[in-house]
N, C-alpha and C. Protein backbone atom coordinates (compact mmCIF):
# COMPACT_ATOMS: atom_id res chain seq x y z
N UNK A 1 12.93 -68.51 -6.65
CA UNK A 1 11.71 -67.80 -6.30
C UNK A 1 12.02 -66.31 -6.17
N UNK A 2 11.15 -65.48 -6.73
CA UNK A 2 11.35 -64.04 -6.68
C UNK A 2 10.81 -63.42 -5.41
N UNK A 3 10.96 -62.15 -5.31
CA UNK A 3 10.48 -61.39 -4.17
C UNK A 3 9.26 -60.58 -4.55
N UNK A 4 8.47 -60.23 -3.55
CA UNK A 4 7.26 -59.45 -3.75
C UNK A 4 7.25 -58.32 -2.73
N UNK A 5 6.93 -57.12 -3.19
CA UNK A 5 6.69 -55.99 -2.29
C UNK A 5 5.18 -55.88 -2.16
N UNK A 6 4.70 -55.67 -0.93
CA UNK A 6 3.26 -55.66 -0.71
C UNK A 6 2.86 -54.55 0.25
N UNK A 7 1.59 -54.17 0.14
CA UNK A 7 1.01 -53.19 1.06
C UNK A 7 -0.26 -53.82 1.62
N UNK A 8 -0.35 -53.80 2.95
CA UNK A 8 -1.52 -54.29 3.66
C UNK A 8 -2.28 -53.11 4.25
N UNK A 9 -3.57 -53.30 4.48
CA UNK A 9 -4.38 -52.27 5.14
C UNK A 9 -5.19 -52.91 6.25
N UNK A 10 -5.29 -52.21 7.38
CA UNK A 10 -6.09 -52.65 8.51
C UNK A 10 -7.31 -51.75 8.63
N UNK A 11 -8.48 -52.33 8.45
CA UNK A 11 -9.72 -51.58 8.62
C UNK A 11 -9.85 -51.12 10.07
N UNK A 12 -9.41 -51.95 10.99
CA UNK A 12 -9.52 -51.66 12.43
C UNK A 12 -8.73 -50.42 12.83
N UNK A 13 -7.48 -50.33 12.37
CA UNK A 13 -6.63 -49.20 12.77
C UNK A 13 -6.55 -48.11 11.71
N UNK A 14 -7.07 -48.39 10.51
CA UNK A 14 -6.99 -47.46 9.38
C UNK A 14 -5.53 -47.15 9.03
N UNK A 15 -4.67 -48.16 9.17
CA UNK A 15 -3.25 -47.99 8.87
C UNK A 15 -2.80 -48.97 7.80
N UNK A 16 -1.69 -48.59 7.16
CA UNK A 16 -1.07 -49.41 6.13
C UNK A 16 0.22 -50.02 6.67
N UNK A 17 0.59 -51.15 6.08
CA UNK A 17 1.86 -51.79 6.40
C UNK A 17 2.50 -52.20 5.08
N UNK A 18 3.76 -51.89 4.92
CA UNK A 18 4.50 -52.24 3.70
C UNK A 18 5.61 -53.20 4.05
N UNK A 19 5.80 -54.21 3.21
CA UNK A 19 6.86 -55.18 3.45
C UNK A 19 7.28 -55.85 2.15
N UNK A 20 8.25 -56.77 2.27
CA UNK A 20 8.69 -57.55 1.12
C UNK A 20 8.99 -58.96 1.60
N UNK A 21 8.76 -59.92 0.71
CA UNK A 21 8.89 -61.32 1.08
C UNK A 21 9.09 -62.18 -0.16
N UNK A 22 9.47 -63.43 0.07
CA UNK A 22 9.54 -64.39 -1.02
C UNK A 22 8.26 -65.21 -1.11
N UNK A 23 7.46 -65.22 -0.05
CA UNK A 23 6.25 -66.03 -0.03
C UNK A 23 5.11 -65.18 0.53
N UNK A 24 4.39 -64.51 -0.34
CA UNK A 24 3.37 -63.56 0.08
C UNK A 24 2.23 -64.24 0.85
N UNK A 25 1.77 -65.37 0.35
CA UNK A 25 0.67 -66.06 1.02
C UNK A 25 1.03 -66.43 2.46
N UNK A 26 2.23 -66.96 2.65
CA UNK A 26 2.69 -67.32 3.99
C UNK A 26 2.87 -66.09 4.87
N UNK A 27 3.42 -65.02 4.30
CA UNK A 27 3.66 -63.80 5.07
C UNK A 27 2.35 -63.19 5.55
N UNK A 28 1.35 -63.16 4.68
CA UNK A 28 0.04 -62.62 5.06
C UNK A 28 -0.56 -63.48 6.17
N UNK A 29 -0.42 -64.79 6.07
CA UNK A 29 -0.87 -65.70 7.12
C UNK A 29 -0.18 -65.36 8.45
N UNK A 30 1.14 -65.16 8.40
CA UNK A 30 1.88 -64.81 9.62
C UNK A 30 1.38 -63.51 10.24
N UNK A 31 1.18 -62.48 9.40
CA UNK A 31 0.69 -61.19 9.90
C UNK A 31 -0.67 -61.35 10.58
N UNK A 32 -1.54 -62.14 9.98
CA UNK A 32 -2.90 -62.27 10.51
C UNK A 32 -3.02 -63.29 11.63
N UNK A 33 -1.93 -63.95 11.97
CA UNK A 33 -1.95 -64.89 13.08
C UNK A 33 -1.05 -64.44 14.22
N UNK A 34 -0.75 -63.14 14.25
CA UNK A 34 -0.05 -62.56 15.38
C UNK A 34 1.44 -62.84 15.44
N UNK A 35 2.05 -63.27 14.34
CA UNK A 35 3.47 -63.59 14.36
C UNK A 35 4.35 -62.37 14.10
N UNK A 36 3.73 -61.21 13.85
CA UNK A 36 4.46 -59.95 13.70
C UNK A 36 3.96 -59.03 14.80
N UNK A 37 4.60 -59.08 15.97
CA UNK A 37 4.07 -58.43 17.16
C UNK A 37 3.85 -56.93 16.99
N UNK A 38 4.67 -56.27 16.17
CA UNK A 38 4.55 -54.82 16.05
C UNK A 38 3.26 -54.38 15.36
N UNK A 39 2.59 -55.29 14.65
CA UNK A 39 1.36 -54.90 13.95
C UNK A 39 0.16 -55.75 14.35
N UNK A 40 0.25 -56.44 15.48
CA UNK A 40 -0.86 -57.29 15.94
C UNK A 40 -2.17 -56.52 16.10
N UNK A 41 -2.10 -55.26 16.48
CA UNK A 41 -3.30 -54.47 16.72
C UNK A 41 -4.13 -54.24 15.47
N UNK A 42 -3.57 -54.50 14.31
CA UNK A 42 -4.29 -54.25 13.06
C UNK A 42 -4.98 -55.47 12.48
N UNK A 43 -4.87 -56.61 13.12
CA UNK A 43 -5.47 -57.84 12.60
C UNK A 43 -6.98 -57.66 12.52
N UNK A 44 -7.61 -58.00 11.40
CA UNK A 44 -7.06 -58.66 10.22
C UNK A 44 -6.48 -57.66 9.22
N UNK A 45 -5.38 -58.06 8.58
CA UNK A 45 -4.75 -57.26 7.54
C UNK A 45 -5.24 -57.74 6.19
N UNK A 46 -5.50 -56.79 5.29
CA UNK A 46 -5.97 -57.10 3.95
C UNK A 46 -4.92 -56.67 2.94
N UNK A 47 -4.60 -57.54 2.01
CA UNK A 47 -3.66 -57.20 0.95
C UNK A 47 -4.34 -56.23 -0.01
N UNK A 48 -3.74 -55.03 -0.19
CA UNK A 48 -4.33 -54.05 -1.10
C UNK A 48 -3.49 -53.79 -2.34
N UNK A 49 -2.21 -54.22 -2.31
CA UNK A 49 -1.34 -53.99 -3.47
C UNK A 49 -0.10 -54.86 -3.34
N UNK A 50 0.36 -55.38 -4.47
CA UNK A 50 1.63 -56.12 -4.48
C UNK A 50 2.22 -56.07 -5.87
N UNK A 51 3.53 -56.26 -5.93
CA UNK A 51 4.22 -56.29 -7.21
C UNK A 51 5.44 -57.20 -7.09
N UNK A 52 5.66 -58.05 -8.09
CA UNK A 52 6.84 -58.91 -8.05
C UNK A 52 8.11 -58.12 -8.37
N UNK A 53 9.21 -58.55 -7.80
CA UNK A 53 10.52 -57.95 -8.05
C UNK A 53 11.49 -59.06 -8.45
N UNK A 54 12.48 -58.70 -9.23
CA UNK A 54 13.40 -59.72 -9.74
C UNK A 54 14.49 -60.10 -8.75
N UNK A 55 14.70 -59.28 -7.72
CA UNK A 55 15.75 -59.58 -6.73
C UNK A 55 15.38 -58.98 -5.39
N UNK A 56 16.04 -59.45 -4.36
CA UNK A 56 15.79 -58.91 -3.02
C UNK A 56 16.20 -57.45 -2.95
N UNK A 57 17.32 -57.10 -3.59
CA UNK A 57 17.78 -55.71 -3.54
C UNK A 57 16.76 -54.78 -4.20
N UNK A 58 16.15 -55.21 -5.30
CA UNK A 58 15.12 -54.41 -5.95
C UNK A 58 13.91 -54.26 -5.02
N UNK A 59 13.53 -55.36 -4.35
CA UNK A 59 12.39 -55.34 -3.44
C UNK A 59 12.66 -54.40 -2.26
N UNK A 60 13.85 -54.46 -1.70
CA UNK A 60 14.19 -53.60 -0.57
C UNK A 60 14.18 -52.13 -0.99
N UNK A 61 14.69 -51.83 -2.17
CA UNK A 61 14.68 -50.43 -2.66
C UNK A 61 13.24 -49.92 -2.81
N UNK A 62 12.37 -50.74 -3.41
CA UNK A 62 10.98 -50.32 -3.59
C UNK A 62 10.26 -50.20 -2.24
N UNK A 63 10.48 -51.14 -1.35
CA UNK A 63 9.87 -51.08 -0.02
C UNK A 63 10.29 -49.79 0.69
N UNK A 64 11.56 -49.45 0.62
CA UNK A 64 12.07 -48.23 1.24
C UNK A 64 11.43 -46.99 0.62
N UNK A 65 11.32 -46.98 -0.70
CA UNK A 65 10.70 -45.86 -1.41
C UNK A 65 9.25 -45.67 -0.95
N UNK A 66 8.50 -46.76 -0.85
CA UNK A 66 7.10 -46.68 -0.43
C UNK A 66 7.01 -46.19 1.01
N UNK A 67 7.87 -46.69 1.88
CA UNK A 67 7.84 -46.28 3.29
C UNK A 67 8.19 -44.80 3.45
N UNK A 68 9.13 -44.31 2.64
CA UNK A 68 9.50 -42.89 2.71
C UNK A 68 8.35 -42.01 2.23
N UNK A 69 7.66 -42.44 1.19
CA UNK A 69 6.54 -41.67 0.63
C UNK A 69 5.30 -41.79 1.51
N UNK A 70 5.16 -42.93 2.14
CA UNK A 70 3.94 -43.26 2.89
C UNK A 70 3.07 -44.11 1.99
N UNK A 71 2.61 -45.24 2.48
CA UNK A 71 1.85 -46.19 1.65
C UNK A 71 0.59 -45.56 1.07
N UNK A 72 -0.14 -44.79 1.85
CA UNK A 72 -1.38 -44.18 1.35
C UNK A 72 -1.07 -43.23 0.20
N UNK A 73 -0.08 -42.37 0.37
CA UNK A 73 0.27 -41.43 -0.70
C UNK A 73 0.81 -42.16 -1.92
N UNK A 74 1.61 -43.22 -1.70
CA UNK A 74 2.12 -44.02 -2.80
C UNK A 74 0.96 -44.62 -3.60
N UNK A 75 -0.02 -45.20 -2.92
CA UNK A 75 -1.17 -45.80 -3.59
C UNK A 75 -2.03 -44.73 -4.28
N UNK A 76 -2.18 -43.58 -3.65
CA UNK A 76 -2.91 -42.47 -4.28
C UNK A 76 -2.21 -42.04 -5.56
N UNK A 77 -0.88 -41.96 -5.53
CA UNK A 77 -0.10 -41.59 -6.73
C UNK A 77 -0.35 -42.61 -7.84
N UNK A 78 -0.36 -43.89 -7.50
CA UNK A 78 -0.61 -44.94 -8.50
C UNK A 78 -1.98 -44.80 -9.13
N UNK A 79 -2.98 -44.52 -8.31
CA UNK A 79 -4.35 -44.43 -8.82
C UNK A 79 -4.54 -43.20 -9.71
N UNK A 80 -3.72 -42.18 -9.50
CA UNK A 80 -3.78 -40.98 -10.34
C UNK A 80 -2.87 -41.08 -11.56
N UNK A 81 -2.09 -42.17 -11.61
CA UNK A 81 -1.17 -42.34 -12.73
C UNK A 81 0.06 -41.47 -12.64
N UNK A 82 0.41 -41.04 -11.44
CA UNK A 82 1.57 -40.17 -11.25
C UNK A 82 2.88 -40.96 -11.28
């Protein structure tokens, strides 16, 4: 099973969350059921972007890149084709 890098958005807090996982459906369920205490205030989280990766190391590199850029700016860059 491959890895997925994902970006979530909380309408409530107007914040983004970036992560990587092997099971996106399960991870989103965990986030929205309070199993990630650091982001409980943002429930419900909505998946706004994801991309498959061929390895965990590739997923971690992309996750780090997105977090350094900021998820909103990263997504804005994608929508502009940058």
